[in-house]
Amino acid sequence: MIDTSGFIEALRGLRFNNAFNPYAETCQAYDLVEAPAVRRHNLKMVLDAALDRGVESIWIARDLGYRGGRRTGLALTDEVHLGAHAALLGTAPLKRATRGPAVAERTATVIWEVLRELRRPIFLWNVFPLHPFEEDSPLSNRCHTRDERYACSHLLQWLIERLRPRSVVAIGRDAQAALADLDVAAEQVRHPSYGGHNEFRAGVYSHYCVSPRVEGQTLRLL
């Protein structure tokens, strides 16, 4: 059985047409020279911490996005929330891999707002762990293909087997359908994008049996 270093090397070795591998490739427009190594190190720290501490759930979205995971190498995490991600599992500070101002992503902003309220150990991942983009448009997002999904499924299975979460939460219908195709049982919550913020929050709170935060109060069990 591979360890976390072997997992990340396997991730580093993935190659697909019109898909950016942030653990092996450098974006000429924005990345530092050492960007792939920075992203591999960040992911290893998060994964090691998740294995050491244990996690309650894995939240799984569809694929990395060009404003978030393409730059950070961390699912559902933009550069603005690297500090929050480090705090979630108690890792050392996570480093940026890009030049210029930190870039925010709308989905990541909502995800981390809710994670900050929940205060539970949760590991974040994607069905397809790379950034798929439209042909000739590297700073775009597309849905991964079934072949791409199956080619990476052994990595998802390794995570679930090693982390042994109490629950797997699919972020959005696309992620739910992809996980079902891989025979991975998951509870679906609404994706927070395109006006789904409130439904996403409600779905997460329901899953963890907590009531929404009231101004000045902490979450409480229902």
C-alpha atoms as a PDB file:
ATOM      1  CA  MET A   1       0.000   0.000   0.000  1.00  0.00           C
ATOM      2  CA  ILE A   2       1.401   3.407  -0.969  1.00  0.00           C
ATOM      3  CA  ASP A   3       2.046   6.143   1.582  1.00  0.00           C
ATOM      4  CA  THR A   4       1.231   9.834   1.159  1.00  0.00           C
ATOM      5  CA  SER A   5       4.445  10.467  -0.769  1.00  0.00           C
ATOM      6  CA  GLY A   6       3.541   7.662  -3.168  1.00  0.00           C
ATOM      7  CA  PHE A   7       0.009   9.031  -3.502  1.00  0.00           C
ATOM      8  CA  ILE A   8       1.296  12.454  -4.464  1.00  0.00           C
ATOM      9  CA  GLU A   9       3.803  10.976  -6.915  1.00  0.00           C
ATOM     10  CA  ALA A  10       0.964   9.040  -8.548  1.00  0.00           C
ATOM     11  CA  LEU A  11      -1.026  12.283  -8.725  1.00  0.00           C
ATOM     12  CA  ARG A  12       1.988  14.064 -10.164  1.00  0.00           C
ATOM     13  CA  GLY A  13       2.217  11.488 -12.953  1.00  0.00           C
ATOM     14  CA  LEU A  14      -1.296  11.996 -14.311  1.00  0.00           C
ATOM     15  CA  ARG A  15      -1.497  13.431 -17.832  1.00  0.00           C
ATOM     16  CA  PHE A  16      -4.559  14.206 -19.947  1.00  0.00           C
ATOM     17  CA  ASN A  17      -5.234  16.392 -22.956  1.00  0.00           C
ATOM     18  CA  ASN A  18      -6.639  19.806 -22.026  1.00  0.00           C
ATOM     19  CA  ALA A  19      -6.059  19.266 -18.327  1.00  0.00           C
ATOM     20  CA  PHE A  20      -3.554  21.104 -16.147  1.00  0.00           C
ATOM     21  CA  ASN A  21      -1.760  19.084 -13.475  1.00  0.00           C
ATOM     22  CA  PRO A  22      -0.848  21.606 -10.738  1.00  0.00           C
ATOM     23  CA  TYR A  23       1.457  19.084  -9.039  1.00  0.00           C
ATOM     24  CA  ALA A  24       3.626  18.658 -12.133  1.00  0.00           C
ATOM     25  CA  GLU A  25       3.077  21.608 -14.459  1.00  0.00           C
ATOM     26  CA  THR A  26       3.814  25.320 -14.331  1.00  0.00           C
ATOM     27  CA  CYS A  27       1.414  28.006 -15.544  1.00  0.00           C
ATOM     28  CA  GLN A  28       3.591  30.415 -17.490  1.00  0.00           C
ATOM     29  CA  ALA A  29       1.241  33.317 -16.845  1.00  0.00           C
ATOM     30  CA  TYR A  30       1.032  33.184 -13.045  1.00  0.00           C
ATOM     31  CA  ASP A  31       3.143  30.477 -11.407  1.00  0.00           C
ATOM     32  CA  LEU A  32       6.429  30.752  -9.596  1.00  0.00           C
ATOM     33  CA  VAL A  33       9.191  28.545 -10.973  1.00  0.00           C
ATOM     34  CA  GLU A  34       8.852  26.198  -7.993  1.00  0.00           C
ATOM     35  CA  ALA A  35       5.030  26.180  -8.085  1.00  0.00           C
ATOM     36  CA  PRO A  36       4.475  22.424  -8.628  1.00  0.00           C
ATOM     37  CA  ALA A  37       6.774  21.579  -5.712  1.00  0.00           C
ATOM     38  CA  VAL A  38       4.977  24.117  -3.490  1.00  0.00           C
ATOM     39  CA  ARG A  39       1.602  22.608  -4.322  1.00  0.00           C
ATOM     40  CA  ARG A  40       2.842  19.061  -3.723  1.00  0.00           C
ATOM     41  CA  HIS A  41       4.234  20.102  -0.343  1.00  0.00           C
ATOM     42  CA  ASN A  42       1.012  21.859   0.648  1.00  0.00           C
ATOM     43  CA  LEU A  43      -1.084  18.839  -0.265  1.00  0.00           C
ATOM     44  CA  LYS A  44       1.231  16.471   1.571  1.00  0.00           C
ATOM     45  CA  MET A  45       0.997  18.534   4.755  1.00  0.00           C
ATOM     46  CA  VAL A  46      -2.800  18.595   4.560  1.00  0.00           C
ATOM     47  CA  LEU A  47      -3.057  14.891   3.768  1.00  0.00           C
ATOM     48  CA  ASP A  48      -0.595  13.883   6.509  1.00  0.00           C
ATOM     49  CA  ALA A  49      -2.524  16.003   9.012  1.00  0.00           C
ATOM     50  CA  ALA A  50      -5.831  14.453   7.938  1.00  0.00           C
ATOM     51  CA  LEU A  51      -4.422  10.960   8.407  1.00  0.00           C
ATOM     52  CA  ASP A  52      -2.832  11.803  11.764  1.00  0.00           C
ATOM     53  CA  ARG A  53      -5.806  13.628  13.215  1.00  0.00           C
ATOM     54  CA  GLY A  54      -8.619  11.804  11.479  1.00  0.00           C
ATOM     55  CA  VAL A  55     -11.473  13.452   9.613  1.00  0.00           C
ATOM     56  CA  GLU A  56     -15.209  13.369  10.076  1.00  0.00           C
ATOM     57  CA  SER A  57     -16.037  13.732   6.388  1.00  0.00           C
ATOM     58  CA  ILE A  58     -14.646  14.085   2.902  1.00  0.00           C
ATOM     59  CA  TRP A  59     -16.293  16.778   0.791  1.00  0.00           C
ATOM     60  CA  ILE A  60     -15.911  15.959  -2.900  1.00  0.00           C
ATOM     61  CA  ALA A  61     -16.571  18.376  -5.739  1.00  0.00           C
ATOM     62  CA  ARG A  62     -16.258  17.700  -9.470  1.00  0.00           C
ATOM     63  CA  ASP A  63     -12.865  19.060 -10.587  1.00  0.00           C
ATOM     64  CA  LEU A  64     -10.305  21.755  -9.770  1.00  0.00           C
ATOM     65  CA  GLY A  65     -11.195  25.261 -10.994  1.00  0.00           C
ATOM     66  CA  TYR A  66      -8.907  27.758 -12.669  1.00  0.00           C
ATOM     67  CA  ARG A  67      -9.220  30.391  -9.914  1.00  0.00           C
ATOM     68  CA  GLY A  68      -8.872  27.929  -7.033  1.00  0.00           C
ATOM     69  CA  GLY A  69      -7.270  24.496  -7.139  1.00  0.00           C
ATOM     70  CA  ARG A  70      -5.309  25.147 -10.331  1.00  0.00           C
ATOM     71  CA  ARG A  71      -3.377  27.765  -8.373  1.00  0.00           C
ATOM     72  CA  THR A  72      -3.309  26.188  -4.889  1.00  0.00           C
ATOM     73  CA  GLY A  73      -3.380  22.457  -5.612  1.00  0.00           C
ATOM     74  CA  LEU A  74      -6.040  22.151  -2.876  1.00  0.00           C
ATOM     75  CA  ALA A  75      -9.648  21.260  -3.644  1.00  0.00           C
ATOM     76  CA  LEU A  76     -12.258  23.968  -3.035  1.00  0.00           C
ATOM     77  CA  THR A  77      -9.536  26.323  -1.803  1.00  0.00           C
ATOM     78  CA  ASP A  78      -8.401  29.605  -3.312  1.00  0.00           C
ATOM     79  CA  GLU A  79      -5.339  31.584  -2.299  1.00  0.00           C
ATOM     80  CA  VAL A  80      -7.312  33.830   0.030  1.00  0.00           C
ATOM     81  CA  HIS A  81      -8.209  30.816   2.188  1.00  0.00           C
ATOM     82  CA  LEU A  82      -4.849  29.046   2.421  1.00  0.00           C
ATOM     83  CA  GLY A  83      -4.557  30.209   6.028  1.00  0.00           C
ATOM     84  CA  ALA A  84      -8.000  28.847   6.850  1.00  0.00           C
ATOM     85  CA  HIS A  85      -7.116  25.515   5.278  1.00  0.00           C
ATOM     86  CA  ALA A  86      -3.967  25.276   7.376  1.00  0.00           C
ATOM     87  CA  ALA A  87      -5.943  26.066  10.523  1.00  0.00           C
ATOM     88  CA  LEU A  88      -8.627  23.478   9.750  1.00  0.00           C
ATOM     89  CA  LEU A  89      -6.312  20.515  10.275  1.00  0.00           C
ATOM     90  CA  GLY A  90      -3.538  22.232  12.204  1.00  0.00           C
ATOM     91  CA  THR A  91      -0.791  22.200   9.586  1.00  0.00           C
ATOM     92  CA  ALA A  92       2.144  24.560   9.233  1.00  0.00           C
ATOM     93  CA  PRO A  93       1.372  27.615   7.076  1.00  0.00           C
ATOM     94  CA  LEU A  94       0.528  26.768   3.465  1.00  0.00           C
ATOM     95  CA  LYS A  95       2.417  28.695   0.813  1.00  0.00           C
ATOM     96  CA  ARG A  96       1.292  30.423  -2.343  1.00  0.00           C
ATOM     97  CA  ALA A  97       2.633  29.087  -5.626  1.00  0.00           C
ATOM     98  CA  THR A  98       1.824  32.121  -7.779  1.00  0.00           C
ATOM     99  CA  ARG A  99       2.931  35.682  -8.457  1.00  0.00           C
ATOM    100  CA  GLY A 100       0.807  38.793  -8.083  1.00  0.00           C
ATOM    101  CA  PRO A 101      -2.225  39.473  -5.867  1.00  0.00           C
ATOM    102  CA  ALA A 102      -4.022  36.571  -4.216  1.00  0.00           C
ATOM    103  CA  VAL A 103      -7.002  35.457  -6.305  1.00  0.00           C
ATOM    104  CA  ALA A 104     -10.375  34.688  -4.706  1.00  0.00           C
ATOM    105  CA  GLU A 105     -12.935  32.200  -5.983  1.00  0.00           C
ATOM    106  CA  ARG A 106     -16.647  32.543  -5.264  1.00  0.00           C
ATOM    107  CA  THR A 107     -17.204  28.853  -4.531  1.00  0.00           C
ATOM    108  CA  ALA A 108     -14.210  28.676  -2.199  1.00  0.00           C
ATOM    109  CA  THR A 109     -15.428  31.754  -0.331  1.00  0.00           C
ATOM    110  CA  VAL A 110     -18.749  30.083   0.494  1.00  0.00           C
ATOM    111  CA  ILE A 111     -17.157  26.714   1.277  1.00  0.00           C
ATOM    112  CA  TRP A 112     -14.752  28.241   3.773  1.00  0.00           C
ATOM    113  CA  GLU A 113     -17.385  30.446   5.339  1.00  0.00           C
ATOM    114  CA  VAL A 114     -19.362  27.310   6.215  1.00  0.00           C
ATOM    115  CA  LEU A 115     -16.283  25.316   7.241  1.00  0.00           C
ATOM    116  CA  ARG A 116     -15.302  28.109   9.610  1.00  0.00           C
ATOM    117  CA  GLU A 117     -18.715  27.876  11.248  1.00  0.00           C
ATOM    118  CA  LEU A 118     -18.751  24.073  11.469  1.00  0.00           C
ATOM    119  CA  ARG A 119     -15.277  23.756  13.016  1.00  0.00           C
ATOM    120  CA  ARG A 120     -15.059  20.070  12.125  1.00  0.00           C
ATOM    121  CA  PRO A 121     -12.150  18.117  10.610  1.00  0.00           C
ATOM    122  CA  ILE A 122     -13.101  17.775   6.958  1.00  0.00           C
ATOM    123  CA  PHE A 123     -10.924  16.779   4.015  1.00  0.00           C
ATOM    124  CA  LEU A 124     -11.599  18.370   0.630  1.00  0.00           C
ATOM    125  CA  TRP A 125     -11.157  16.617  -2.705  1.00  0.00           C
ATOM    126  CA  ASN A 126     -12.396  16.389  -6.290  1.00  0.00           C
ATOM    127  CA  VAL A 127     -13.613  13.438  -8.328  1.00  0.00           C
ATOM    128  CA  PHE A 128     -11.125  14.515 -11.000  1.00  0.00           C
ATOM    129  CA  PRO A 129      -8.127  15.933  -9.114  1.00  0.00           C
ATOM    130  CA  LEU A 130      -6.734  18.085 -11.947  1.00  0.00           C
ATOM    131  CA  HIS A 131      -7.958  21.229 -13.727  1.00  0.00           C
ATOM    132  CA  PRO A 132      -9.742  20.358 -16.986  1.00  0.00           C
ATOM    133  CA  PHE A 133     -10.163  23.226 -19.437  1.00  0.00           C
ATOM    134  CA  GLU A 134     -11.667  23.918 -22.841  1.00  0.00           C
ATOM    135  CA  GLU A 135      -9.358  23.399 -25.790  1.00  0.00           C
ATOM    136  CA  ASP A 136      -7.106  26.437 -26.436  1.00  0.00           C
ATOM    137  CA  SER A 137      -8.486  28.134 -23.313  1.00  0.00           C
ATOM    138  CA  PRO A 138      -6.375  27.091 -20.311  1.00  0.00           C
ATOM    139  CA  LEU A 139      -8.045  29.597 -17.973  1.00  0.00           C
ATOM    140  CA  SER A 140     -11.493  28.093 -18.384  1.00  0.00           C
ATOM    141  CA  ASN A 141     -13.330  25.242 -16.695  1.00  0.00           C
ATOM    142  CA  ARG A 142     -14.894  22.171 -18.260  1.00  0.00           C
ATOM    143  CA  CYS A 143     -16.358  18.966 -16.895  1.00  0.00           C
ATOM    144  CA  HIS A 144     -13.985  16.014 -16.902  1.00  0.00           C
ATOM    145  CA  THR A 145     -14.829  12.985 -19.062  1.00  0.00           C
ATOM    146  CA  ARG A 146     -15.795   9.514 -17.909  1.00  0.00           C
ATOM    147  CA  ASP A 147     -12.431   8.146 -19.104  1.00  0.00           C
ATOM    148  CA  GLU A 148     -10.607  10.816 -17.089  1.00  0.00           C
ATOM    149  CA  ARG A 149     -12.698   9.980 -14.044  1.00  0.00           C
ATOM    150  CA  TYR A 150     -11.954   6.278 -14.218  1.00  0.00           C
ATOM    151  CA  ALA A 151      -8.253   6.881 -14.798  1.00  0.00           C
ATOM    152  CA  CYS A 152      -8.097   8.681 -11.426  1.00  0.00           C
ATOM    153  CA  SER A 153     -10.545   6.543  -9.467  1.00  0.00           C
ATOM    154  CA  HIS A 154      -7.810   4.526  -7.715  1.00  0.00           C
ATOM    155  CA  LEU A 155      -6.619   7.712  -6.010  1.00  0.00           C
ATOM    156  CA  LEU A 156     -10.093   8.539  -4.737  1.00  0.00           C
ATOM    157  CA  GLN A 157     -10.500   4.992  -3.475  1.00  0.00           C
ATOM    158  CA  TRP A 158      -7.149   5.201  -1.673  1.00  0.00           C
ATOM    159  CA  LEU A 159      -8.235   8.386   0.090  1.00  0.00           C
ATOM    160  CA  ILE A 160     -11.522   6.927   1.256  1.00  0.00           C
ATOM    161  CA  GLU A 161      -9.896   3.709   2.456  1.00  0.00           C
ATOM    162  CA  ARG A 162      -7.119   5.493   4.318  1.00  0.00           C
ATOM    163  CA  LEU A 163      -9.097   8.405   5.786  1.00  0.00           C
ATOM    164  CA  ARG A 164     -12.119   6.270   6.710  1.00  0.00           C
ATOM    165  CA  PRO A 165     -14.540   9.215   7.018  1.00  0.00           C
ATOM    166  CA  ARG A 166     -17.889   8.861   8.730  1.00  0.00           C
ATOM    167  CA  SER A 167     -19.498  10.400   5.663  1.00  0.00           C
ATOM    168  CA  VAL A 168     -18.766  11.420   2.098  1.00  0.00           C
ATOM    169  CA  VAL A 169     -20.484  14.595   0.915  1.00  0.00           C
ATOM    170  CA  ALA A 170     -20.876  15.325  -2.797  1.00  0.00           C
ATOM    171  CA  ILE A 171     -20.787  19.039  -3.586  1.00  0.00           C
ATOM    172  CA  GLY A 172     -23.329  19.403  -6.365  1.00  0.00           C
ATOM    173  CA  ARG A 173     -25.222  17.103  -8.732  1.00  0.00           C
ATOM    174  CA  ASP A 174     -22.299  16.634 -11.110  1.00  0.00           C
ATOM    175  CA  ALA A 175     -20.085  15.371  -8.304  1.00  0.00           C
ATOM    176  CA  GLN A 176     -22.881  13.134  -7.014  1.00  0.00           C
ATOM    177  CA  ALA A 177     -23.429  11.600 -10.452  1.00  0.00           C
ATOM    178  CA  ALA A 178     -19.708  11.058 -10.964  1.00  0.00           C
ATOM    179  CA  LEU A 179     -19.322   9.405  -7.563  1.00  0.00           C
ATOM    180  CA  ALA A 180     -22.332   7.170  -8.214  1.00  0.00           C
ATOM    181  CA  ASP A 181     -20.717   6.128 -11.496  1.00  0.00           C
ATOM    182  CA  LEU A 182     -17.696   5.033  -9.445  1.00  0.00           C
ATOM    183  CA  ASP A 183     -19.908   3.226  -6.900  1.00  0.00           C
ATOM    184  CA  VAL A 184     -18.984   5.681  -4.158  1.00  0.00           C
ATOM    185  CA  ALA A 185     -21.866   6.334  -1.766  1.00  0.00           C
ATOM    186  CA  ALA A 186     -22.264  10.002  -0.908  1.00  0.00           C
ATOM    187  CA  GLU A 187     -24.866  12.445   0.349  1.00  0.00           C
ATOM    188  CA  GLN A 188     -25.430  15.300  -2.059  1.00  0.00           C
ATOM    189  CA  VAL A 189     -25.690  18.940  -1.077  1.00  0.00           C
ATOM    190  CA  ARG A 190     -26.371  21.814  -3.461  1.00  0.00           C
ATOM    191  CA  HIS A 191     -23.316  23.356  -5.084  1.00  0.00           C
ATOM    192  CA  PRO A 192     -22.926  26.904  -3.723  1.00  0.00           C
ATOM    193  CA  SER A 193     -22.397  28.542  -7.122  1.00  0.00           C
ATOM    194  CA  TYR A 194     -25.069  30.155  -9.330  1.00  0.00           C
ATOM    195  CA  GLY A 195     -27.276  31.221  -6.472  1.00  0.00           C
ATOM    196  CA  GLY A 196     -26.991  28.021  -4.475  1.00  0.00           C
ATOM    197  CA  HIS A 197     -25.371  29.581  -1.402  1.00  0.00           C
ATOM    198  CA  ASN A 198     -28.347  29.281   0.940  1.00  0.00           C
ATOM    199  CA  GLU A 199     -29.315  25.786  -0.212  1.00  0.00           C
ATOM    200  CA  PHE A 200     -25.723  24.642   0.215  1.00  0.00           C
ATOM    201  CA  ARG A 201     -25.597  25.968   3.765  1.00  0.00           C
ATOM    202  CA  ALA A 202     -28.944  24.398   4.624  1.00  0.00           C
ATOM    203  CA  GLY A 203     -27.855  21.048   3.198  1.00  0.00           C
ATOM    204  CA  VAL A 204     -24.603  21.044   5.141  1.00  0.00           C
ATOM    205  CA  TYR A 205     -26.280  22.029   8.412  1.00  0.00           C
ATOM    206  CA  SER A 206     -28.859  19.294   7.922  1.00  0.00           C
ATOM    207  CA  HIS A 207     -26.172  16.703   7.216  1.00  0.00           C
ATOM    208  CA  TYR A 208     -24.367  17.508  10.469  1.00  0.00           C
ATOM    209  CA  CYS A 209     -27.573  18.014  12.464  1.00  0.00           C
ATOM    210  CA  VAL A 210     -26.725  21.546  13.488  1.00  0.00           C
ATOM    211  CA  SER A 211     -28.777  24.712  13.333  1.00  0.00           C
ATOM    212  CA  PRO A 212     -27.620  27.760  11.337  1.00  0.00           C
ATOM    213  CA  ARG A 213     -25.458  30.272  13.096  1.00  0.00           C
ATOM    214  CA  VAL A 214     -27.249  33.191  14.683  1.00  0.00           C
ATOM    215  CA  GLU A 215     -25.332  36.461  14.887  1.00  0.00           C
ATOM    216  CA  GLY A 216     -23.099  36.335  17.958  1.00  0.00           C
ATOM    217  CA  GLN A 217     -23.806  32.660  18.674  1.00  0.00           C
ATOM    218  CA  THR A 218     -22.115  29.383  17.814  1.00  0.00           C
ATOM    219  CA  LEU A 219     -23.723  26.487  15.981  1.00  0.00           C
ATOM    220  CA  ARG A 220     -25.742  24.148  18.130  1.00  0.00           C
ATOM    221  CA  LEU A 221     -26.962  20.591  17.750  1.00  0.00           C
ATOM    222  CA  LEU A 222     -30.550  20.162  16.637  1.00  0.00           C
END
